[in-house]
Amino acid sequence: MDGNGIWRFYNTWAKICYDASMKPRAQAANKASEAPVHSRFTVHASLDSSSDLLSTEIQAAKSKRLDLENIFLQLVAHKRKANLTELEAPWRVHKFGLSHDALFKLKQTHGNLAQCSAGHTRDFVTKHGISFVSSNDLICAIFWRAISRANAIANPDNPLTCLMLACDVRNRINVPSTYTGNLSFPLIIHMTKDMICQQTVTETATHIRHEINNITPAFVQEMLGLMSCGKTMQNLVSMFDPANSFLSASITSGFRMYEMINFGFGKPAHIDIPAYLKPGFSIWLPTRSNKTAIFINIALRDDVFRIMMNDEEFRTYIDLIH
């Protein structure tokens, strides 16, 4: 089950409890939301019906899968070379906030692709054929760039930097809206630290959007095969390694948590989800604040955090809450 399935479950549960507090329980149960769809065959049937997939799309998806498997191997190899001191580097979870004003400034400065100021940035955007980047693309770019720059100083031996996004593919394949299984696949974007440090924020956000746009039904088919492989989860876990320059964004800020969930005792005053997995793991949360647009809980190595706090680009937009 992914985030969509979890919040659909919570909302259905809340509706039953809320209605039961107002009406007889039998009536409340009858008025619950549509029955959830659990069968994985629903997904496979949808993909099998996509017989019009272009051969170029299929080939691109296979190439992307091989690329991901190669990245897994590189990270595992680096983990084996890393010494015990690196692996036991102290880390903790920090909460950051992005104000509505800062988000507006970020979008105005780096999100208007039609008015890219630098010539090389215009060329980069044109080359990738991107006409739009989302707010999430821009925020991911700010965090990923800051973590990569900090790791280039704190851990220079590993030249690679990776961003992993949990991408919901429901709107890319024909499945029922009530499907509650996991349709959030890990999209892993990688480059060298030198490369990302040489880019502008707009270029990094464009790079992220280009990779997201490449998620096709053919890619979903390949990822289903990859995720069914026994070693895949071990390899994914190896990416959450203190020795790796890595950011994983679990973006739940788009879920209407505060508006929808009411078990009969009122709507929640505050919702928080800790990011206690490993360094680089982040949870994005909505807020009820008129000032703050989004909260981001992220686990960071202490040395990386200290460097990020002196990163001018990062601090221009991001506030430390605690």
Protein backbone atom coordinates (compact mmCIF):
# COMPACT_ATOMS: atom_id res chain seq x y z
CA MET A 1 0.00 0.00 0.00
CA ASP A 2 1.29 3.47 -0.84
CA GLY A 3 0.39 6.95 0.42
CA ASN A 4 -2.79 7.16 -1.66
CA GLY A 5 -4.01 3.83 -0.32
CA ILE A 6 -3.14 4.73 3.27
CA TRP A 7 -4.98 8.05 3.22
CA ARG A 8 -7.98 6.54 1.42
CA PHE A 9 -8.12 3.96 4.23
CA TYR A 10 -7.88 6.64 6.92
CA ASN A 11 -10.58 8.75 5.26
CA THR A 12 -12.95 5.76 4.90
CA TRP A 13 -12.32 4.75 8.52
CA ALA A 14 -12.87 8.34 9.68
CA LYS A 15 -16.12 8.58 7.70
CA ILE A 16 -17.49 5.39 9.28
CA CYS A 17 -16.55 6.58 12.79
CA TYR A 18 -17.92 10.08 12.21
CA ASP A 19 -21.21 8.86 10.77
CA ALA A 20 -21.54 6.23 13.51
CA SER A 21 -21.36 8.98 16.12
CA MET A 22 -24.32 10.71 14.43
CA LYS A 23 -26.42 7.76 13.20
CA PRO A 24 -26.93 4.06 13.89
CA ARG A 25 -23.79 2.07 13.04
CA ALA A 26 -25.54 -0.02 10.35
CA GLN A 27 -26.50 3.10 8.40
CA ALA A 28 -22.99 4.49 8.71
CA ALA A 29 -21.44 1.31 7.30
CA ASN A 30 -23.80 1.43 4.34
CA LYS A 31 -22.73 4.99 3.55
CA ALA A 32 -18.99 4.25 3.58
CA SER A 33 -16.87 5.05 0.54
CA GLU A 34 -16.58 2.77 -2.46
CA ALA A 35 -15.04 -0.61 -1.74
CA PRO A 36 -11.25 -0.55 -2.27
CA VAL A 37 -9.68 -2.55 -5.09
CA HIS A 38 -6.79 -4.73 -3.89
CA SER A 39 -6.09 -7.12 -6.76
CA ARG A 40 -2.69 -6.67 -8.44
CA PHE A 41 -4.19 -8.24 -11.57
CA THR A 42 -6.00 -4.92 -12.08
CA VAL A 43 -2.66 -3.26 -12.78
CA HIS A 44 -1.34 -6.05 -15.02
CA ALA A 45 -4.59 -6.14 -17.01
CA SER A 46 -4.37 -2.39 -17.57
CA LEU A 47 -0.79 -2.64 -18.80
CA ASP A 48 -1.50 -5.66 -20.98
CA SER A 49 -4.26 -3.70 -22.71
CA SER A 50 -1.72 -1.05 -23.72
CA SER A 51 -0.82 -2.90 -26.92
CA ASP A 52 -0.14 0.35 -28.76
CA LEU A 53 3.10 1.00 -26.89
CA LEU A 54 5.78 2.27 -29.23
CA SER A 55 8.86 0.10 -29.57
CA THR A 56 10.96 3.18 -28.77
CA GLU A 57 9.10 3.55 -25.45
CA ILE A 58 9.70 -0.11 -24.61
CA GLN A 59 13.39 0.16 -25.46
CA ALA A 60 13.76 3.35 -23.43
CA ALA A 61 12.09 1.68 -20.43
CA LYS A 62 14.40 -1.35 -20.66
CA SER A 63 17.39 0.98 -20.88
CA LYS A 64 16.19 2.86 -17.79
CA ARG A 65 15.85 -0.40 -15.84
CA LEU A 66 19.40 -1.42 -16.74
CA ASP A 67 20.55 2.05 -15.73
CA LEU A 68 18.91 1.69 -12.30
CA GLU A 69 20.42 -1.76 -11.76
CA ASN A 70 23.84 -0.34 -12.63
CA ILE A 71 23.39 2.45 -10.06
CA PHE A 72 22.47 -0.14 -7.43
CA LEU A 73 25.70 -2.00 -8.17
CA GLN A 74 27.80 1.18 -7.93
CA LEU A 75 26.31 2.14 -4.57
CA VAL A 76 26.70 -1.35 -3.14
CA ALA A 77 30.33 -1.40 -4.29
CA HIS A 78 30.95 1.99 -2.65
CA LYS A 79 29.32 0.76 0.56
CA ARG A 80 31.74 -2.17 0.70
CA LYS A 81 34.69 0.21 0.31
CA ALA A 82 33.46 2.67 2.94
CA ASN A 83 35.11 2.38 6.33
CA LEU A 84 33.26 1.83 9.61
CA THR A 85 33.71 5.46 10.71
CA GLU A 86 31.78 6.69 7.68
CA LEU A 87 28.98 4.20 8.21
CA GLU A 88 28.56 5.17 11.87
CA ALA A 89 28.60 8.94 11.30
CA PRO A 90 26.08 10.56 13.71
CA TRP A 91 22.84 11.83 12.22
CA ARG A 92 19.48 13.20 13.34
CA VAL A 93 16.15 14.39 11.96
CA HIS A 94 15.57 18.10 11.35
CA LYS A 95 12.41 19.98 10.43
CA PHE A 96 12.56 22.66 7.74
CA GLY A 97 9.88 25.00 6.49
CA LEU A 98 9.25 26.84 3.25
CA SER A 99 7.15 29.98 3.58
CA HIS A 100 4.55 31.02 1.01
CA ASP A 101 6.67 34.09 0.27
CA ALA A 102 9.82 32.01 -0.27
CA LEU A 103 7.95 29.59 -2.53
CA PHE A 104 6.62 32.50 -4.60
CA LYS A 105 10.15 33.90 -4.90
CA LEU A 106 11.53 30.47 -5.86
CA LYS A 107 8.93 30.04 -8.62
CA GLN A 108 9.41 33.57 -9.90
CA THR A 109 13.21 33.32 -9.95
CA HIS A 110 13.71 29.76 -11.22
CA GLY A 111 10.35 28.41 -12.36
CA ASN A 112 9.59 30.74 -15.25
CA LEU A 113 11.19 28.75 -18.06
CA ALA A 114 10.02 31.22 -20.71
CA GLN A 115 12.23 33.90 -19.16
CA CYS A 116 15.41 32.01 -18.33
CA SER A 117 18.07 34.69 -18.02
CA ALA A 118 21.27 32.72 -18.67
CA GLY A 119 21.89 31.56 -22.24
CA HIS A 120 23.21 28.14 -21.18
CA THR A 121 20.09 27.62 -19.04
CA ARG A 122 17.83 28.43 -22.01
CA ASP A 123 19.80 25.93 -24.10
CA PHE A 124 19.49 23.29 -21.35
CA VAL A 125 15.71 23.75 -21.07
CA THR A 126 15.27 23.71 -24.87
CA LYS A 127 17.37 20.55 -25.20
CA HIS A 128 15.16 18.68 -22.72
CA GLY A 129 11.95 19.95 -24.32
CA ILE A 130 10.51 21.06 -20.97
CA SER A 131 7.93 23.84 -20.80
CA PHE A 132 6.93 23.48 -17.14
CA VAL A 133 8.48 22.63 -13.78
CA SER A 134 6.35 22.13 -10.66
CA SER A 135 6.84 23.61 -7.20
CA ASN A 136 7.92 20.14 -6.02
CA ASP A 137 10.55 19.99 -8.80
CA LEU A 138 12.00 23.30 -7.61
CA ILE A 139 11.96 22.37 -3.90
CA CYS A 140 13.57 18.99 -4.69
CA ALA A 141 16.24 20.83 -6.67
CA ILE A 142 17.03 23.18 -3.75
CA PHE A 143 17.40 20.32 -1.24
CA TRP A 144 19.22 17.95 -3.60
CA ARG A 145 21.72 20.62 -4.64
CA ALA A 146 22.43 21.61 -1.01
CA ILE A 147 22.92 17.99 0.09
CA SER A 148 25.18 17.32 -2.92
CA ARG A 149 27.33 20.39 -2.23
CA ALA A 150 27.61 19.47 1.45
CA ASN A 151 28.54 15.87 0.62
CA ALA A 152 31.14 17.04 -1.89
CA ILE A 153 32.92 18.57 1.13
CA ALA A 154 32.07 16.00 3.82
CA ASN A 155 32.47 12.87 1.70
CA PRO A 156 34.51 13.66 -1.44
CA ASP A 157 35.42 10.02 -2.19
CA ASN A 158 32.00 9.18 -3.66
CA PRO A 159 31.44 11.28 -6.83
CA LEU A 160 27.82 10.17 -7.34
CA THR A 161 24.69 11.92 -6.08
CA CYS A 162 21.17 10.46 -6.31
CA LEU A 163 17.60 11.66 -5.89
CA MET A 164 14.84 9.10 -5.36
CA LEU A 165 11.21 10.14 -5.81
CA ALA A 166 8.21 7.98 -5.03
CA CYS A 167 6.20 8.62 -8.19
CA ASP A 168 2.50 7.79 -8.24
CA VAL A 169 1.68 6.29 -11.65
CA ARG A 170 -2.10 6.09 -11.21
CA ASN A 171 -2.67 8.91 -13.67
CA ARG A 172 -0.41 7.24 -16.25
CA ILE A 173 -2.17 3.88 -16.47
CA ASN A 174 -5.86 3.00 -16.49
CA VAL A 175 -6.61 1.69 -12.99
CA PRO A 176 -9.62 2.41 -10.74
CA SER A 177 -9.26 5.42 -8.45
CA THR A 178 -10.06 3.09 -5.53
CA TYR A 179 -7.03 0.85 -6.15
CA THR A 180 -5.17 0.74 -2.82
CA GLY A 181 -2.08 -1.26 -3.78
CA ASN A 182 1.34 0.29 -4.17
CA LEU A 183 1.60 2.28 -7.39
CA SER A 184 4.35 4.59 -6.18
CA PHE A 185 7.52 3.48 -7.93
CA PRO A 186 11.02 4.68 -7.06
CA LEU A 187 12.29 7.02 -9.74
CA ILE A 188 16.04 7.31 -9.21
CA ILE A 189 17.79 10.27 -10.82
CA HIS A 190 21.54 10.45 -10.62
CA MET A 191 24.47 12.56 -11.72
CA THR A 192 27.90 13.45 -10.43
CA LYS A 193 28.32 16.01 -7.67
CA ASP A 194 30.42 18.14 -10.02
CA MET A 195 27.63 18.14 -12.60
CA ILE A 196 24.88 19.22 -10.20
CA CYS A 197 27.12 21.90 -8.66
CA GLN A 198 27.67 23.39 -12.12
CA GLN A 199 23.95 23.56 -12.90
CA THR A 200 21.55 26.37 -12.05
CA VAL A 201 18.45 25.66 -9.93
CA THR A 202 16.35 25.88 -13.09
CA GLU A 203 18.52 23.29 -14.84
CA THR A 204 18.34 20.84 -11.93
CA ALA A 205 14.54 21.26 -11.70
CA THR A 206 14.28 20.78 -15.48
CA HIS A 207 16.39 17.62 -15.23
CA ILE A 208 14.03 16.27 -12.54
CA ARG A 209 10.91 17.11 -14.61
CA HIS A 210 12.45 15.48 -17.72
CA GLU A 211 12.96 12.21 -15.80
CA ILE A 212 9.42 12.33 -14.38
CA ASN A 213 7.97 12.87 -17.86
CA ASN A 214 9.75 9.71 -19.02
CA ILE A 215 7.52 7.54 -16.81
CA THR A 216 5.44 5.67 -19.39
CA PRO A 217 3.31 2.50 -19.19
CA ALA A 218 6.35 0.67 -20.57
CA PHE A 219 8.44 2.02 -17.69
CA VAL A 220 5.79 0.84 -15.20
CA GLN A 221 5.95 -2.66 -16.72
CA GLU A 222 9.72 -2.73 -16.34
CA MET A 223 9.52 -1.44 -12.76
CA LEU A 224 7.01 -4.14 -11.84
CA GLY A 225 9.58 -6.67 -13.00
CA LEU A 226 12.39 -4.90 -11.17
CA MET A 227 10.45 -4.61 -7.90
CA SER A 228 9.60 -8.32 -8.00
CA CYS A 229 13.32 -9.15 -7.98
CA GLY A 230 14.48 -10.45 -4.62
CA LYS A 231 17.55 -8.22 -4.45
CA THR A 232 15.80 -4.97 -5.34
CA MET A 233 14.71 -4.03 -1.81
CA GLN A 234 18.18 -4.83 -0.46
CA ASN A 235 19.66 -2.55 -3.10
CA LEU A 236 17.17 0.21 -2.33
CA VAL A 237 18.05 0.04 1.36
CA SER A 238 21.75 0.24 0.49
CA MET A 239 21.09 3.64 -1.07
CA PHE A 240 20.09 4.96 2.38
CA ASP A 241 23.68 4.83 3.50
CA PRO A 242 25.50 7.59 5.41
CA ALA A 243 28.37 7.30 2.94
CA ASN A 244 26.11 8.14 -0.01
CA SER A 245 25.09 11.59 -1.23
CA PHE A 246 21.43 10.82 -1.41
CA LEU A 247 18.01 12.45 -1.07
CA SER A 248 14.76 10.51 -0.99
CA ALA A 249 11.59 12.61 -1.14
CA SER A 250 8.37 11.05 0.14
CA ILE A 251 5.98 13.84 -0.82
CA THR A 252 2.74 13.68 1.16
CA SER A 253 2.19 17.43 1.20
CA GLY A 254 -0.43 17.12 -1.54
CA PHE A 255 -2.77 15.00 0.58
CA ARG A 256 -5.62 16.97 2.12
CA MET A 257 -4.97 15.57 5.59
CA TYR A 258 -6.37 18.45 7.60
CA GLU A 259 -9.54 18.89 5.54
CA MET A 260 -10.63 15.27 5.18
CA ILE A 261 -9.88 13.29 8.34
CA ASN A 262 -12.48 13.62 11.11
CA PHE A 263 -13.22 10.64 13.36
CA GLY A 264 -16.00 12.53 15.14
CA PHE A 265 -13.77 14.53 17.49
CA GLY A 266 -12.96 17.35 15.11
CA LYS A 267 -10.26 17.81 12.51
CA PRO A 268 -6.60 17.32 13.50
CA ALA A 269 -4.71 20.28 14.93
CA HIS A 270 -1.32 18.96 13.82
CA ILE A 271 -0.04 16.04 11.78
CA ASP A 272 3.60 14.99 11.82
CA ILE A 273 5.42 12.00 10.35
CA PRO A 274 9.03 11.50 11.46
CA ALA A 275 11.77 10.68 8.99
CA TYR A 276 13.64 8.19 11.15
CA LEU A 277 14.89 5.85 8.44
CA LYS A 278 18.42 6.82 7.45
CA PRO A 279 20.29 9.93 6.31
CA GLY A 280 18.80 11.42 3.16
CA PHE A 281 15.24 10.24 3.84
CA SER A 282 12.66 13.05 3.89
CA ILE A 283 8.91 13.39 4.50
CA TRP A 284 7.05 16.38 3.06
CA LEU A 285 3.97 17.48 5.01
CA PRO A 286 1.15 20.00 4.53
CA THR A 287 0.60 22.71 7.13
CA ARG A 288 -2.32 24.67 8.56
CA SER A 289 -0.16 27.78 8.79
CA ASN A 290 -0.98 30.94 6.85
CA LYS A 291 2.75 31.65 6.71
CA THR A 292 4.38 28.28 5.98
CA ALA A 293 3.55 26.42 2.76
CA ILE A 294 5.20 23.10 3.59
CA PHE A 295 7.15 21.30 6.30
CA ILE A 296 9.97 18.90 5.41
CA ASN A 297 11.32 16.40 7.95
CA ILE A 298 14.69 15.11 6.79
CA ALA A 299 17.39 12.90 8.31
CA LEU A 300 20.86 14.40 7.86
CA ARG A 301 24.36 13.53 8.97
CA ASP A 302 25.57 16.10 11.49
CA ASP A 303 28.50 17.19 9.33
CA VAL A 304 26.27 17.56 6.25
CA PHE A 305 23.71 19.56 8.26
CA ARG A 306 26.34 22.01 9.52
CA ILE A 307 27.56 22.67 5.98
CA MET A 308 24.01 23.10 4.67
CA MET A 309 23.32 25.74 7.32
CA ASN A 310 26.00 27.89 5.65
CA ASP A 311 24.73 27.24 2.12
CA GLU A 312 23.57 30.62 0.82
CA GLU A 313 21.27 29.29 -1.91
CA PHE A 314 19.59 26.86 0.49
CA ARG A 315 19.08 29.41 3.29
CA THR A 316 17.63 31.95 0.84
CA TYR A 317 14.48 29.83 0.58
CA ILE A 318 14.48 27.31 3.45
CA ASP A 319 13.96 28.01 7.17
CA LEU A 320 15.17 25.72 9.94
CA ILE A 321 12.31 24.95 12.36
CA HIS A 322 14.29 22.66 14.66
